[in-house]
Protein backbone atom coordinates (compact mmCIF):
# COMPACT_ATOMS: atom_id res chain seq x y z
CA MET A 1 -0.20 -19.33 -80.94
CA LEU A 2 1.32 -17.86 -84.05
CA PHE A 3 4.76 -18.82 -85.25
CA HIS A 4 7.62 -17.09 -83.47
CA PRO A 5 11.12 -17.37 -84.98
CA ASP A 6 12.76 -17.92 -81.58
CA GLN A 7 10.63 -20.96 -80.78
CA PRO A 8 10.75 -24.25 -82.65
CA PHE A 9 7.53 -25.39 -84.27
CA GLU A 10 6.14 -28.54 -82.70
CA MET A 11 3.17 -30.50 -83.92
CA PRO A 12 0.95 -30.99 -80.84
CA PHE A 13 -0.87 -33.93 -82.42
CA HIS A 14 -0.31 -36.97 -84.58
CA PRO A 15 -0.10 -36.16 -88.33
CA ASP A 16 -2.93 -38.62 -89.12
CA GLN A 17 -5.28 -36.97 -86.65
CA PRO A 18 -7.91 -34.73 -88.34
CA LEU A 19 -7.33 -31.02 -87.81
CA GLU A 20 -9.78 -28.73 -86.10
CA PRO A 21 -11.06 -25.99 -88.43
CA ALA A 22 -9.43 -23.37 -86.20
CA VAL A 23 -6.02 -24.95 -86.84
CA GLY A 24 -6.40 -24.19 -90.54
CA VAL A 25 -7.20 -20.58 -89.73
CA VAL A 26 -4.15 -20.30 -87.48
CA LEU A 27 -1.90 -21.91 -90.10
CA ALA A 28 -3.25 -19.56 -92.77
CA ALA A 29 -2.55 -16.58 -90.49
CA GLU A 30 1.00 -17.82 -89.86
CA ALA A 31 1.54 -18.30 -93.60
CA ALA A 32 0.33 -14.75 -94.28
CA LEU A 33 2.64 -13.40 -91.59
CA LEU A 34 5.61 -15.30 -93.02
CA GLU A 35 4.81 -14.11 -96.54
CA ALA A 36 4.68 -10.51 -95.32
CA ARG A 37 8.04 -10.90 -93.57
CA LEU A 38 9.52 -12.47 -96.69
CA ARG A 39 8.22 -9.57 -98.80
CA MET A 40 9.77 -7.05 -96.39
CA LEU A 41 13.12 -8.86 -96.43
CA ARG A 42 13.13 -9.00 -100.23
CA GLU A 43 12.40 -5.28 -100.40
CA ALA A 44 15.22 -4.58 -97.95
CA LEU A 45 17.61 -6.71 -100.00
CA ASP A 46 16.56 -4.90 -103.19
CA SER A 47 17.29 -1.59 -101.48
CA ILE A 48 20.71 -2.81 -100.35
CA ASP A 49 21.48 -4.09 -103.86
CA ALA A 50 20.55 -0.68 -105.30
CA ARG A 51 22.80 1.10 -102.80
CA ILE A 52 25.70 -1.24 -103.58
CA ALA A 53 25.22 -0.61 -107.30
CA ALA A 54 25.15 3.17 -106.76
CA VAL A 55 28.31 3.12 -104.62
CA THR A 56 30.07 0.82 -107.10
CA GLU A 57 29.20 3.18 -109.95
CA GLU A 58 30.40 6.18 -107.94
CA LEU A 59 33.70 4.46 -107.17
CA ARG A 60 34.22 3.70 -110.87
CA ARG A 61 33.89 7.34 -111.87
CA PRO A 62 37.31 8.73 -112.79
CA ASP A 63 36.61 12.22 -111.41
CA ARG A 64 35.86 11.19 -107.86
């Protein structure tokens, strides 16, 4: 099962136990998903920052 933000992550095995190869694949898929979400959030924040800067500049104009 891939990571879901509404469910806590629980290790189903002891940390010293060797991992199945499939576990590595699942963890890599989860990492890729999280990186994609992070990239999307950063892009959204950049867009918001740009909008704030544009509105701030507009409010500073004396002829508004």
